[in-house]
Amino acid sequence: MWPPMSEGFAAALCSLAVKLTDDWLDRDRDAAVGRINWATRLGTGTMVYAALFLALAAGINAAVSLALFFASYIVGMFTDLGRRLPSRLTGWQESLLVLGAGAMLCGWRTMLFAGLFVSAVQLIDDCIDLAGDRLAGQRNLACRFGTAECLLGGLTLLLAAWWLDAGLFTPVFAGVAAVYCLDLRAREVMRC
């Protein structure tokens, strides 16, 4: 039996899995602009660690961690919705399949919460990464729509997630924020 804040621990471990996966996918682009990336530190083990963190998260709280991971996958597809993927499906088709699987496995309410929460995190993160993404030649959402618009959209989505499930919001927010802060600190140390 896990403690009452198991959702926070699961969210933190899932955040680590998503972060490592994202760094693995972005490793070449980040290297080209000199951005610190965990995949350059962990090498070929990056995806093994990501899978390990996701498995641990699912062991602690499967519904929360899988919903957050599925939502991260869907939100990550936003730039590839029309592109044909290795599955021979488009990004839209894969996203709909993942959304359906998430709703069946985790419940539609938890999946909706995760979608709102992850979308908010993406919008806010795009504002934080704006300068680096511009340097890399990438037009993120803050570049396309504006920083104020993305921050307002992110705040609105966070409030919607909180409204949908206030009891889940606090531990998930704490877990994700802890990983984000630890990642920022670790990157400062890696620069030295």
N, C-alpha and C. Protein backbone atom coordinates (compact mmCIF):
# COMPACT_ATOMS: atom_id res chain seq x y z
N MET A 1 0.84 -1.18 0.00
CA MET A 1 0.00 0.00 0.00
C MET A 1 0.88 1.24 0.00
N TRP A 2 0.64 2.11 -0.94
CA TRP A 2 1.43 3.33 -1.05
C TRP A 2 0.82 4.43 -0.21
N PRO A 3 1.64 5.40 0.21
CA PRO A 3 1.14 6.50 1.03
C PRO A 3 0.13 7.36 0.27
N PRO A 4 -0.58 8.22 0.99
CA PRO A 4 -1.61 9.04 0.35
C PRO A 4 -1.10 9.88 -0.82
N MET A 5 0.15 10.27 -0.83
CA MET A 5 0.69 11.09 -1.92
C MET A 5 1.26 10.24 -3.04
N SER A 6 0.77 9.02 -3.19
CA SER A 6 1.31 8.15 -4.24
C SER A 6 1.17 8.76 -5.62
N GLU A 7 0.14 9.56 -5.83
CA GLU A 7 -0.03 10.22 -7.13
C GLU A 7 1.15 11.14 -7.43
N GLY A 8 1.65 11.82 -6.41
CA GLY A 8 2.79 12.72 -6.59
C GLY A 8 4.06 11.96 -6.94
N PHE A 9 4.30 10.84 -6.26
CA PHE A 9 5.48 10.03 -6.57
C PHE A 9 5.37 9.46 -7.99
N ALA A 10 4.18 8.98 -8.33
CA ALA A 10 3.97 8.43 -9.68
C ALA A 10 4.16 9.52 -10.73
N ALA A 11 3.63 10.71 -10.47
CA ALA A 11 3.77 11.83 -11.42
C ALA A 11 5.24 12.22 -11.57
N ALA A 12 5.99 12.22 -10.47
CA ALA A 12 7.41 12.57 -10.54
C ALA A 12 8.17 11.55 -11.38
N LEU A 13 7.95 10.27 -11.13
CA LEU A 13 8.64 9.24 -11.90
C LEU A 13 8.23 9.25 -13.37
N CYS A 14 6.94 9.49 -13.62
CA CYS A 14 6.47 9.60 -15.00
C CYS A 14 7.11 10.81 -15.67
N SER A 15 7.24 11.91 -14.94
CA SER A 15 7.89 13.10 -15.49
C SER A 15 9.34 12.81 -15.88
N LEU A 16 10.01 12.03 -15.06
CA LEU A 16 11.38 11.64 -15.40
C LEU A 16 11.40 10.82 -16.68
N ALA A 17 10.45 9.90 -16.81
CA ALA A 17 10.37 9.07 -18.02
C ALA A 17 10.11 9.93 -19.26
N VAL A 18 9.19 10.88 -19.14
CA VAL A 18 8.87 11.77 -20.27
C VAL A 18 10.07 12.65 -20.59
N LYS A 19 10.74 13.18 -19.57
CA LYS A 19 11.90 14.04 -19.78
C LYS A 19 13.01 13.30 -20.51
N LEU A 20 13.31 12.10 -20.08
CA LEU A 20 14.35 11.32 -20.74
C LEU A 20 13.98 10.96 -22.17
N THR A 21 12.73 10.61 -22.39
CA THR A 21 12.27 10.30 -23.75
C THR A 21 12.38 11.53 -24.64
N ASP A 22 11.95 12.67 -24.13
CA ASP A 22 12.03 13.92 -24.90
C ASP A 22 13.49 14.28 -25.20
N ASP A 23 14.36 14.13 -24.21
CA ASP A 23 15.78 14.42 -24.44
C ASP A 23 16.38 13.46 -25.48
N TRP A 24 15.95 12.21 -25.45
CA TRP A 24 16.45 11.25 -26.44
C TRP A 24 16.02 11.66 -27.86
N LEU A 25 14.77 12.04 -27.99
CA LEU A 25 14.27 12.44 -29.31
C LEU A 25 14.90 13.74 -29.80
N ASP A 26 15.24 14.64 -28.87
CA ASP A 26 15.80 15.96 -29.23
C ASP A 26 17.32 16.02 -29.15
N ARG A 27 17.98 14.90 -28.94
CA ARG A 27 19.42 14.93 -28.66
C ARG A 27 20.25 15.56 -29.77
N ASP A 28 19.94 15.30 -31.03
CA ASP A 28 20.73 15.87 -32.12
C ASP A 28 20.52 17.38 -32.24
N ARG A 29 19.27 17.81 -32.15
CA ARG A 29 18.97 19.24 -32.24
C ARG A 29 19.57 20.00 -31.05
N ASP A 30 19.48 19.42 -29.86
CA ASP A 30 20.05 20.08 -28.69
C ASP A 30 21.57 20.17 -28.79
N ALA A 31 22.19 19.11 -29.29
CA ALA A 31 23.65 19.12 -29.45
C ALA A 31 24.08 20.19 -30.45
N ALA A 32 23.28 20.40 -31.49
CA ALA A 32 23.63 21.37 -32.52
C ALA A 32 23.65 22.80 -31.98
N VAL A 33 22.85 23.09 -30.95
CA VAL A 33 22.83 24.44 -30.39
C VAL A 33 23.51 24.52 -29.03
N GLY A 34 24.15 23.43 -28.61
CA GLY A 34 24.88 23.43 -27.35
C GLY A 34 24.01 23.36 -26.11
N ARG A 35 22.80 22.86 -26.24
CA ARG A 35 21.88 22.74 -25.11
C ARG A 35 22.19 21.46 -24.33
N ILE A 36 22.23 21.56 -23.02
CA ILE A 36 22.47 20.40 -22.15
C ILE A 36 21.30 19.43 -22.29
N ASN A 37 21.61 18.15 -22.39
CA ASN A 37 20.58 17.15 -22.63
C ASN A 37 20.98 15.87 -21.89
N TRP A 38 20.02 15.27 -21.18
CA TRP A 38 20.32 14.05 -20.43
C TRP A 38 20.75 12.90 -21.33
N ALA A 39 20.26 12.87 -22.54
CA ALA A 39 20.62 11.77 -23.45
C ALA A 39 22.10 11.79 -23.79
N THR A 40 22.71 12.97 -23.81
CA THR A 40 24.15 13.02 -24.07
C THR A 40 24.93 12.48 -22.88
N ARG A 41 24.38 12.62 -21.69
CA ARG A 41 25.01 12.07 -20.49
C ARG A 41 24.81 10.57 -20.35
N LEU A 42 23.59 10.11 -20.62
CA LEU A 42 23.24 8.71 -20.39
C LEU A 42 23.46 7.82 -21.60
N GLY A 43 23.60 8.42 -22.78
CA GLY A 43 23.86 7.66 -24.00
C GLY A 43 22.74 6.68 -24.32
N THR A 44 23.14 5.50 -24.76
CA THR A 44 22.16 4.52 -25.21
C THR A 44 21.28 3.99 -24.08
N GLY A 45 21.67 4.23 -22.84
CA GLY A 45 20.86 3.79 -21.70
C GLY A 45 19.68 4.70 -21.41
N THR A 46 19.59 5.83 -22.10
CA THR A 46 18.54 6.80 -21.82
C THR A 46 17.15 6.19 -21.87
N MET A 47 16.85 5.46 -22.92
CA MET A 47 15.51 4.90 -23.07
C MET A 47 15.25 3.77 -22.08
N VAL A 48 16.30 3.06 -21.68
CA VAL A 48 16.13 2.01 -20.66
C VAL A 48 15.75 2.66 -19.33
N TYR A 49 16.42 3.75 -18.99
CA TYR A 49 16.06 4.46 -17.76
C TYR A 49 14.65 5.04 -17.85
N ALA A 50 14.28 5.57 -19.00
CA ALA A 50 12.93 6.10 -19.18
C ALA A 50 11.90 4.99 -18.94
N ALA A 51 12.14 3.82 -19.51
CA ALA A 51 11.22 2.69 -19.32
C ALA A 51 11.17 2.26 -17.85
N LEU A 52 12.32 2.26 -17.21
CA LEU A 52 12.39 1.90 -15.79
C LEU A 52 11.57 2.87 -14.94
N PHE A 53 11.74 4.18 -15.18
CA PHE A 53 10.98 5.17 -14.41
C PHE A 53 9.48 5.04 -14.67
N LEU A 54 9.09 4.77 -15.91
CA LEU A 54 7.67 4.61 -16.21
C LEU A 54 7.11 3.35 -15.53
N ALA A 55 7.88 2.28 -15.53
CA ALA A 55 7.43 1.05 -14.87
C ALA A 55 7.26 1.27 -13.36
N LEU A 56 8.21 1.97 -12.75
CA LEU A 56 8.10 2.28 -11.32
C LEU A 56 6.86 3.15 -11.05
N ALA A 57 6.66 4.15 -11.90
CA ALA A 57 5.50 5.03 -11.75
C ALA A 57 4.21 4.23 -11.84
N ALA A 58 4.14 3.33 -12.82
CA ALA A 58 2.93 2.52 -13.01
C ALA A 58 2.73 1.57 -11.83
N GLY A 59 3.83 1.10 -11.24
CA GLY A 59 3.72 0.24 -10.06
C GLY A 59 3.16 0.98 -8.86
N ILE A 60 3.45 2.27 -8.79
CA ILE A 60 2.95 3.09 -7.67
C ILE A 60 1.50 3.50 -7.90
N ASN A 61 1.21 4.00 -9.09
CA ASN A 61 -0.17 4.42 -9.41
C ASN A 61 -0.33 4.36 -10.93
N ALA A 62 -0.84 3.24 -11.40
CA ALA A 62 -0.93 3.00 -12.85
C ALA A 62 -1.82 4.02 -13.56
N ALA A 63 -2.97 4.31 -13.00
CA ALA A 63 -3.90 5.20 -13.69
C ALA A 63 -3.30 6.59 -13.90
N VAL A 64 -2.71 7.15 -12.87
CA VAL A 64 -2.15 8.50 -12.97
C VAL A 64 -0.95 8.52 -13.89
N SER A 65 -0.01 7.61 -13.68
CA SER A 65 1.23 7.64 -14.47
C SER A 65 0.98 7.32 -15.94
N LEU A 66 0.14 6.36 -16.23
CA LEU A 66 -0.13 6.03 -17.62
C LEU A 66 -0.92 7.14 -18.31
N ALA A 67 -1.87 7.73 -17.60
CA ALA A 67 -2.63 8.83 -18.20
C ALA A 67 -1.70 10.00 -18.52
N LEU A 68 -0.79 10.33 -17.61
CA LEU A 68 0.17 11.41 -17.87
C LEU A 68 1.10 11.07 -19.03
N PHE A 69 1.54 9.82 -19.10
CA PHE A 69 2.43 9.43 -20.19
C PHE A 69 1.69 9.45 -21.53
N PHE A 70 0.47 8.91 -21.55
CA PHE A 70 -0.32 8.94 -22.78
C PHE A 70 -0.60 10.37 -23.22
N ALA A 71 -0.95 11.23 -22.26
CA ALA A 71 -1.22 12.63 -22.60
C ALA A 71 0.05 13.30 -23.13
N SER A 72 1.21 12.97 -22.57
CA SER A 72 2.47 13.52 -23.06
C SER A 72 2.75 13.06 -24.48
N TYR A 73 2.42 11.83 -24.76
CA TYR A 73 2.59 11.31 -26.12
C TYR A 73 1.70 12.08 -27.10
N ILE A 74 0.45 12.28 -26.72
CA ILE A 74 -0.50 12.97 -27.59
C ILE A 74 -0.08 14.42 -27.80
N VAL A 75 0.27 15.11 -26.73
CA VAL A 75 0.69 16.51 -26.84
C VAL A 75 1.98 16.60 -27.64
N GLY A 76 2.86 15.65 -27.48
CA GLY A 76 4.09 15.62 -28.26
C GLY A 76 3.86 15.44 -29.74
N MET A 77 2.71 14.89 -30.11
CA MET A 77 2.36 14.67 -31.50
C MET A 77 1.82 15.92 -32.20
N PHE A 78 1.54 16.98 -31.45
CA PHE A 78 0.90 18.16 -32.03
C PHE A 78 1.60 18.66 -33.29
N THR A 79 2.91 18.56 -33.35
CA THR A 79 3.63 19.05 -34.53
C THR A 79 3.68 18.01 -35.65
N ASP A 80 3.27 16.79 -35.37
CA ASP A 80 3.34 15.71 -36.36
C ASP A 80 1.99 15.10 -36.67
N LEU A 81 0.92 15.84 -36.47
CA LEU A 81 -0.42 15.26 -36.62
C LEU A 81 -0.70 14.75 -38.03
N GLY A 82 -0.19 15.41 -39.04
CA GLY A 82 -0.46 14.99 -40.41
C GLY A 82 0.60 14.07 -40.99
N ARG A 83 1.72 13.94 -40.32
CA ARG A 83 2.83 13.14 -40.83
C ARG A 83 2.56 11.65 -40.66
N ARG A 84 2.97 10.86 -41.65
CA ARG A 84 2.85 9.41 -41.56
C ARG A 84 4.00 8.89 -40.70
N LEU A 85 3.68 8.10 -39.68
CA LEU A 85 4.66 7.63 -38.70
C LEU A 85 5.08 6.18 -39.02
N PRO A 86 6.08 5.66 -38.31
CA PRO A 86 6.52 4.28 -38.59
C PRO A 86 5.40 3.23 -38.52
N SER A 87 4.34 3.52 -37.76
CA SER A 87 3.21 2.59 -37.67
C SER A 87 2.37 2.60 -38.94
N ARG A 88 2.69 3.52 -39.86
CA ARG A 88 1.95 3.76 -41.10
C ARG A 88 0.64 4.51 -40.85
N LEU A 89 0.46 4.98 -39.62
CA LEU A 89 -0.68 5.82 -39.27
C LEU A 89 -0.19 7.26 -39.21
N THR A 90 -1.11 8.20 -39.33
CA THR A 90 -0.75 9.61 -39.16
C THR A 90 -0.70 9.92 -37.66
N GLY A 91 -0.15 11.07 -37.33
CA GLY A 91 -0.11 11.49 -35.94
C GLY A 91 -1.50 11.59 -35.33
N TRP A 92 -2.48 12.07 -36.13
CA TRP A 92 -3.87 12.14 -35.65
C TRP A 92 -4.38 10.75 -35.27
N GLN A 93 -4.14 9.79 -36.16
CA GLN A 93 -4.65 8.44 -35.93
C GLN A 93 -4.02 7.81 -34.70
N GLU A 94 -2.70 7.95 -34.57
CA GLU A 94 -2.04 7.40 -33.39
C GLU A 94 -2.53 8.08 -32.12
N SER A 95 -2.69 9.40 -32.18
CA SER A 95 -3.15 10.14 -31.01
C SER A 95 -4.54 9.68 -30.58
N LEU A 96 -5.43 9.46 -31.54
CA LEU A 96 -6.77 8.98 -31.20
C LEU A 96 -6.73 7.58 -30.59
N LEU A 97 -5.86 6.72 -31.11
CA LEU A 97 -5.72 5.37 -30.53
C LEU A 97 -5.19 5.43 -29.11
N VAL A 98 -4.19 6.28 -28.89
CA VAL A 98 -3.62 6.42 -27.55
C VAL A 98 -4.65 7.02 -26.60
N LEU A 99 -5.41 8.00 -27.07
CA LEU A 99 -6.46 8.60 -26.25
C LEU A 99 -7.50 7.54 -25.87
N GLY A 100 -7.92 6.73 -26.83
CA GLY A 100 -8.88 5.67 -26.54
C GLY A 100 -8.34 4.64 -25.57
N ALA A 101 -7.08 4.24 -25.76
CA ALA A 101 -6.46 3.28 -24.83
C ALA A 101 -6.36 3.89 -23.44
N GLY A 102 -5.98 5.17 -23.37
CA GLY A 102 -5.88 5.83 -22.08
C GLY A 102 -7.22 5.92 -21.37
N ALA A 103 -8.26 6.24 -22.11
CA ALA A 103 -9.59 6.34 -21.52
C ALA A 103 -10.05 4.97 -21.01
N MET A 104 -9.75 3.90 -21.75
CA MET A 104 -10.14 2.55 -21.32
C MET A 104 -9.33 2.09 -20.11
N LEU A 105 -8.03 2.35 -20.11
CA LEU A 105 -7.17 1.86 -19.04
C LEU A 105 -7.21 2.71 -17.78
N CYS A 106 -7.34 4.02 -17.95
CA CYS A 106 -7.21 4.95 -16.82
C CYS A 106 -8.51 5.63 -16.45
N GLY A 107 -9.50 5.56 -17.32
CA GLY A 107 -10.75 6.26 -17.09
C GLY A 107 -10.74 7.58 -17.84
N TRP A 108 -11.89 7.95 -18.38
CA TRP A 108 -11.94 9.17 -19.20
C TRP A 108 -11.63 10.41 -18.39
N ARG A 109 -12.06 10.45 -17.13
CA ARG A 109 -11.84 11.64 -16.30
C ARG A 109 -10.35 11.84 -16.00
N THR A 110 -9.67 10.77 -15.67
CA THR A 110 -8.24 10.85 -15.40
C THR A 110 -7.49 11.21 -16.68
N MET A 111 -7.93 10.67 -17.79
CA MET A 111 -7.29 10.98 -19.07
C MET A 111 -7.52 12.45 -19.45
N LEU A 112 -8.71 12.95 -19.22
CA LEU A 112 -9.00 14.36 -19.50
C LEU A 112 -8.16 15.26 -18.59
N PHE A 113 -8.09 14.91 -17.31
CA PHE A 113 -7.24 15.66 -16.37
C PHE A 113 -5.80 15.70 -16.88
N ALA A 114 -5.27 14.55 -17.25
CA ALA A 114 -3.89 14.47 -17.73
C ALA A 114 -3.69 15.28 -18.99
N GLY A 115 -4.66 15.23 -19.90
CA GLY A 115 -4.55 16.01 -21.13
C GLY A 115 -4.50 17.51 -20.86
N LEU A 116 -5.36 17.98 -19.96
CA LEU A 116 -5.36 19.40 -19.60
C LEU A 116 -4.05 19.78 -18.92
N PHE A 117 -3.62 18.96 -17.99
CA PHE A 117 -2.41 19.25 -17.22
C PHE A 117 -1.17 19.27 -18.11
N VAL A 118 -1.01 18.25 -18.91
CA VAL A 118 0.17 18.15 -19.79
C VAL A 118 0.16 19.26 -20.84
N SER A 119 -0.99 19.59 -21.37
CA SER A 119 -1.07 20.69 -22.34
C SER A 119 -0.64 22.00 -21.69
N ALA A 120 -1.04 22.22 -20.44
CA ALA A 120 -0.64 23.42 -19.71
C ALA A 120 0.87 23.46 -19.52
N VAL A 121 1.43 22.33 -19.12
CA VAL A 121 2.88 22.25 -18.92
C VAL A 121 3.61 22.53 -20.23
N GLN A 122 3.11 22.01 -21.33
CA GLN A 122 3.74 22.23 -22.63
C GLN A 122 3.72 23.71 -23.00
N LEU A 123 2.59 24.37 -22.81
CA LEU A 123 2.50 25.79 -23.14
C LEU A 123 3.45 26.63 -22.29
N ILE A 124 3.51 26.35 -21.01
CA ILE A 124 4.40 27.10 -20.12
C ILE A 124 5.86 26.79 -20.44
N ASP A 125 6.17 25.53 -20.71
CA ASP A 125 7.54 25.15 -21.05
C ASP A 125 7.99 25.79 -22.37
N ASP A 126 7.08 25.92 -23.31
CA ASP A 126 7.43 26.60 -24.57
C ASP A 126 7.80 28.05 -24.33
N CYS A 127 7.16 28.69 -23.37
CA CYS A 127 7.53 30.07 -23.03
C CYS A 127 8.92 30.13 -22.42
N ILE A 128 9.22 29.17 -21.55
CA ILE A 128 10.53 29.12 -20.90
C ILE A 128 11.62 28.81 -21.92
N ASP A 129 11.33 27.93 -22.87
CA ASP A 129 12.32 27.50 -23.87
C ASP A 129 12.36 28.37 -25.12
N LEU A 130 11.64 29.47 -25.13
CA LEU A 130 11.50 30.28 -26.34
C LEU A 130 12.84 30.68 -26.95
N ALA A 131 13.74 31.23 -26.16
CA ALA A 131 15.02 31.71 -26.70
C ALA A 131 15.84 30.56 -27.28
N GLY A 132 15.93 29.45 -26.55
CA GLY A 132 16.69 28.30 -27.04
C GLY A 132 16.09 27.67 -28.28
N ASP A 133 14.77 27.62 -28.33
CA ASP A 133 14.11 27.05 -29.50
C ASP A 133 14.29 27.94 -30.73
N ARG A 134 14.26 29.24 -30.52
CA ARG A 134 14.52 30.15 -31.64
C ARG A 134 15.94 29.95 -32.16
N LEU A 135 16.89 29.80 -31.26
CA LEU A 135 18.28 29.57 -31.64
C LEU A 135 18.42 28.28 -32.44
N ALA A 136 17.63 27.28 -32.06
CA ALA A 136 17.67 25.99 -32.76
C ALA A 136 16.88 26.00 -34.05
N GLY A 137 16.20 27.11 -34.34
CA GLY A 137 15.41 27.20 -35.56
C GLY A 137 14.06 26.54 -35.45
N GLN A 138 13.61 26.30 -34.23
CA GLN A 138 12.33 25.63 -34.01
C GLN A 138 11.30 26.67 -33.59
N ARG A 139 10.14 26.62 -34.21
CA ARG A 139 9.05 27.54 -33.86
C ARG A 139 8.07 26.82 -32.93
N ASN A 140 8.29 27.01 -31.62
CA ASN A 140 7.37 26.39 -30.67
C ASN A 140 6.10 27.22 -30.57
N LEU A 141 5.17 26.81 -29.72
CA LEU A 141 3.88 27.48 -29.63
C LEU A 141 4.00 28.92 -29.15
N ALA A 142 4.94 29.20 -28.25
CA ALA A 142 5.14 30.58 -27.77
C ALA A 142 5.63 31.47 -28.90
N CYS A 143 6.42 30.93 -29.79
CA CYS A 143 6.91 31.68 -30.94
C CYS A 143 5.77 31.92 -31.94
N ARG A 144 4.93 30.94 -32.10
CA ARG A 144 3.83 31.05 -33.07
C ARG A 144 2.70 31.96 -32.59
N PHE A 145 2.35 31.84 -31.31
CA PHE A 145 1.17 32.54 -30.81
C PHE A 145 1.48 33.69 -29.85
N GLY A 146 2.68 33.72 -29.30
CA GLY A 146 3.06 34.75 -28.34
C GLY A 146 3.19 34.20 -26.94
N THR A 147 4.10 34.81 -26.20
CA THR A 147 4.37 34.35 -24.84
C THR A 147 3.18 34.59 -23.91
N ALA A 148 2.61 35.78 -23.97
CA ALA A 148 1.48 36.09 -23.09
C ALA A 148 0.30 35.17 -23.37
N GLU A 149 0.04 34.90 -24.63
CA GLU A 149 -1.07 34.01 -25.00
C GLU A 149 -0.84 32.60 -24.49
N CYS A 150 0.39 32.11 -24.61
CA CYS A 150 0.69 30.75 -24.14
C CYS A 150 0.64 30.66 -22.62
N LEU A 151 1.16 31.69 -21.93
CA LEU A 151 1.08 31.69 -20.47
C LEU A 151 -0.37 31.74 -20.00
N LEU A 152 -1.18 32.56 -20.63
CA LEU A 152 -2.59 32.64 -20.28
C LEU A 152 -3.30 31.32 -20.58
N GLY A 153 -2.99 30.73 -21.73
CA GLY A 153 -3.58 29.43 -22.08
C GLY A 153 -3.15 28.35 -21.10
N GLY A 154 -1.86 28.35 -20.72
CA GLY A 154 -1.37 27.37 -19.76
C GLY A 154 -2.03 27.51 -18.41
N LEU A 155 -2.18 28.75 -17.95
CA LEU A 155 -2.85 28.99 -16.67
C LEU A 155 -4.31 28.55 -16.72
N THR A 156 -4.98 28.83 -17.83
CA THR A 156 -6.38 28.43 -18.00
C THR A 156 -6.51 26.91 -17.96
N LEU A 157 -5.59 26.22 -18.64
CA LEU A 157 -5.63 24.75 -18.64
C LEU A 157 -5.32 24.17 -17.26
N LEU A 158 -4.38 24.80 -16.54
CA LEU A 158 -4.10 24.35 -15.17
C LEU A 158 -5.33 24.52 -14.28
N LEU A 159 -6.00 25.65 -14.40
CA LEU A 159 -7.22 25.86 -13.62
C LEU A 159 -8.31 24.86 -13.98
N ALA A 160 -8.42 24.53 -15.27
CA ALA A 160 -9.40 23.54 -15.70
C ALA A 160 -9.08 22.17 -15.13
N ALA A 161 -7.79 21.80 -15.10
CA ALA A 161 -7.39 20.52 -14.51
C ALA A 161 -7.70 20.51 -13.01
N TRP A 162 -7.40 21.62 -12.35
CA TRP A 162 -7.69 21.73 -10.92
C TRP A 162 -9.20 21.61 -10.67
N TRP A 163 -10.00 22.30 -11.49
CA TRP A 163 -11.45 22.24 -11.36
C TRP A 163 -11.97 20.82 -11.56
N LEU A 164 -11.39 20.11 -12.52
CA LEU A 164 -11.84 18.75 -12.82
C LEU A 164 -11.54 17.79 -11.67
N ASP A 165 -10.35 17.92 -11.05
CA ASP A 165 -9.98 17.01 -9.97
C ASP A 165 -8.97 17.69 -9.05
N ALA A 166 -9.47 18.48 -8.12
CA ALA A 166 -8.61 19.23 -7.20
C ALA A 166 -7.78 18.30 -6.33
N GLY A 167 -8.31 17.15 -5.97
CA GLY A 167 -7.58 16.20 -5.13
C GLY A 167 -6.39 15.61 -5.85
N LEU A 168 -6.48 15.42 -7.13
CA LEU A 168 -5.38 14.87 -7.92
C LEU A 168 -4.40 15.97 -8.34
N PHE A 169 -4.91 17.18 -8.49
CA PHE A 169 -4.08 18.28 -8.99
C PHE A 169 -2.87 18.55 -8.10
N THR A 170 -3.08 18.66 -6.80
CA THR A 170 -2.01 19.05 -5.89
C THR A 170 -0.83 18.07 -5.91
N PRO A 171 -1.06 16.76 -5.73
CA PRO A 171 0.10 15.86 -5.76
C PRO A 171 0.75 15.78 -7.14
N VAL A 172 -0.03 15.81 -8.20
CA VAL A 172 0.56 15.75 -9.54
C VAL A 172 1.38 17.01 -9.80
N PHE A 173 0.84 18.17 -9.45
CA PHE A 173 1.58 19.41 -9.62
C PHE A 173 2.88 19.38 -8.82
N ALA A 174 2.81 18.91 -7.57
CA ALA A 174 4.01 18.84 -6.73
C ALA A 174 5.05 17.90 -7.32
N GLY A 175 4.62 16.74 -7.81
CA GLY A 175 5.56 15.78 -8.38
C GLY A 175 6.23 16.30 -9.64
N VAL A 176 5.45 16.90 -10.52
CA VAL A 176 6.00 17.44 -11.78
C VAL A 176 6.90 18.64 -11.49
N ALA A 177 6.49 19.52 -10.59
CA ALA A 177 7.30 20.70 -10.25
C ALA A 177 8.62 20.29 -9.61
N ALA A 178 8.61 19.26 -8.77
CA ALA A 178 9.85 18.79 -8.13
C ALA A 178 10.84 18.30 -9.18
N VAL A 179 10.37 17.54 -10.14
CA VAL A 179 11.25 17.03 -11.19
C VAL A 179 11.77 18.18 -12.05
N TYR A 180 10.91 19.12 -12.36
CA TYR A 180 11.32 20.26 -13.18
C TYR A 180 12.41 21.07 -12.47
N CYS A 181 12.22 21.32 -11.19
CA CYS A 181 13.23 22.08 -10.43
C CYS A 181 14.53 21.30 -10.30
N LEU A 182 14.45 20.01 -10.04
CA LEU A 182 15.66 19.19 -9.95
C LEU A 182 16.39 19.14 -11.29
N ASP A 183 15.64 19.09 -12.39
CA ASP A 183 16.26 19.08 -13.71
C ASP A 183 17.00 20.39 -13.97
N LEU A 184 16.39 21.51 -13.61
CA LEU A 184 17.05 22.81 -13.79
C LEU A 184 18.34 22.88 -12.98
N ARG A 185 18.28 22.39 -11.74
CA ARG A 185 19.48 22.40 -10.90
C ARG A 185 20.56 21.48 -11.46
N ALA A 186 20.18 20.31 -11.91
CA ALA A 186 21.15 19.36 -12.48
C ALA A 186 21.81 19.93 -13.73
N ARG A 187 21.05 20.63 -14.54
CA ARG A 187 21.62 21.25 -15.76
C ARG A 187 22.64 22.32 -15.41
N GLU A 188 22.38 23.07 -14.32
CA GLU A 188 23.37 24.07 -13.88
C GLU A 188 24.66 23.38 -13.47
N VAL A 189 24.54 22.27 -12.76
CA VAL A 189 25.72 21.53 -12.31
C VAL A 189 26.46 20.95 -13.51
N MET A 190 25.73 20.43 -14.52
CA MET A 190 26.37 19.83 -15.69
C MET A 190 27.11 20.88 -16.52
N ARG A 191 26.67 22.13 -16.47
CA ARG A 191 27.35 23.20 -17.23
C ARG A 191 28.73 23.50 -16.66
N CYS A 192 28.89 23.27 -15.34
CA CYS A 192 30.16 23.60 -14.69
C CYS A 192 31.27 22.65 -15.04
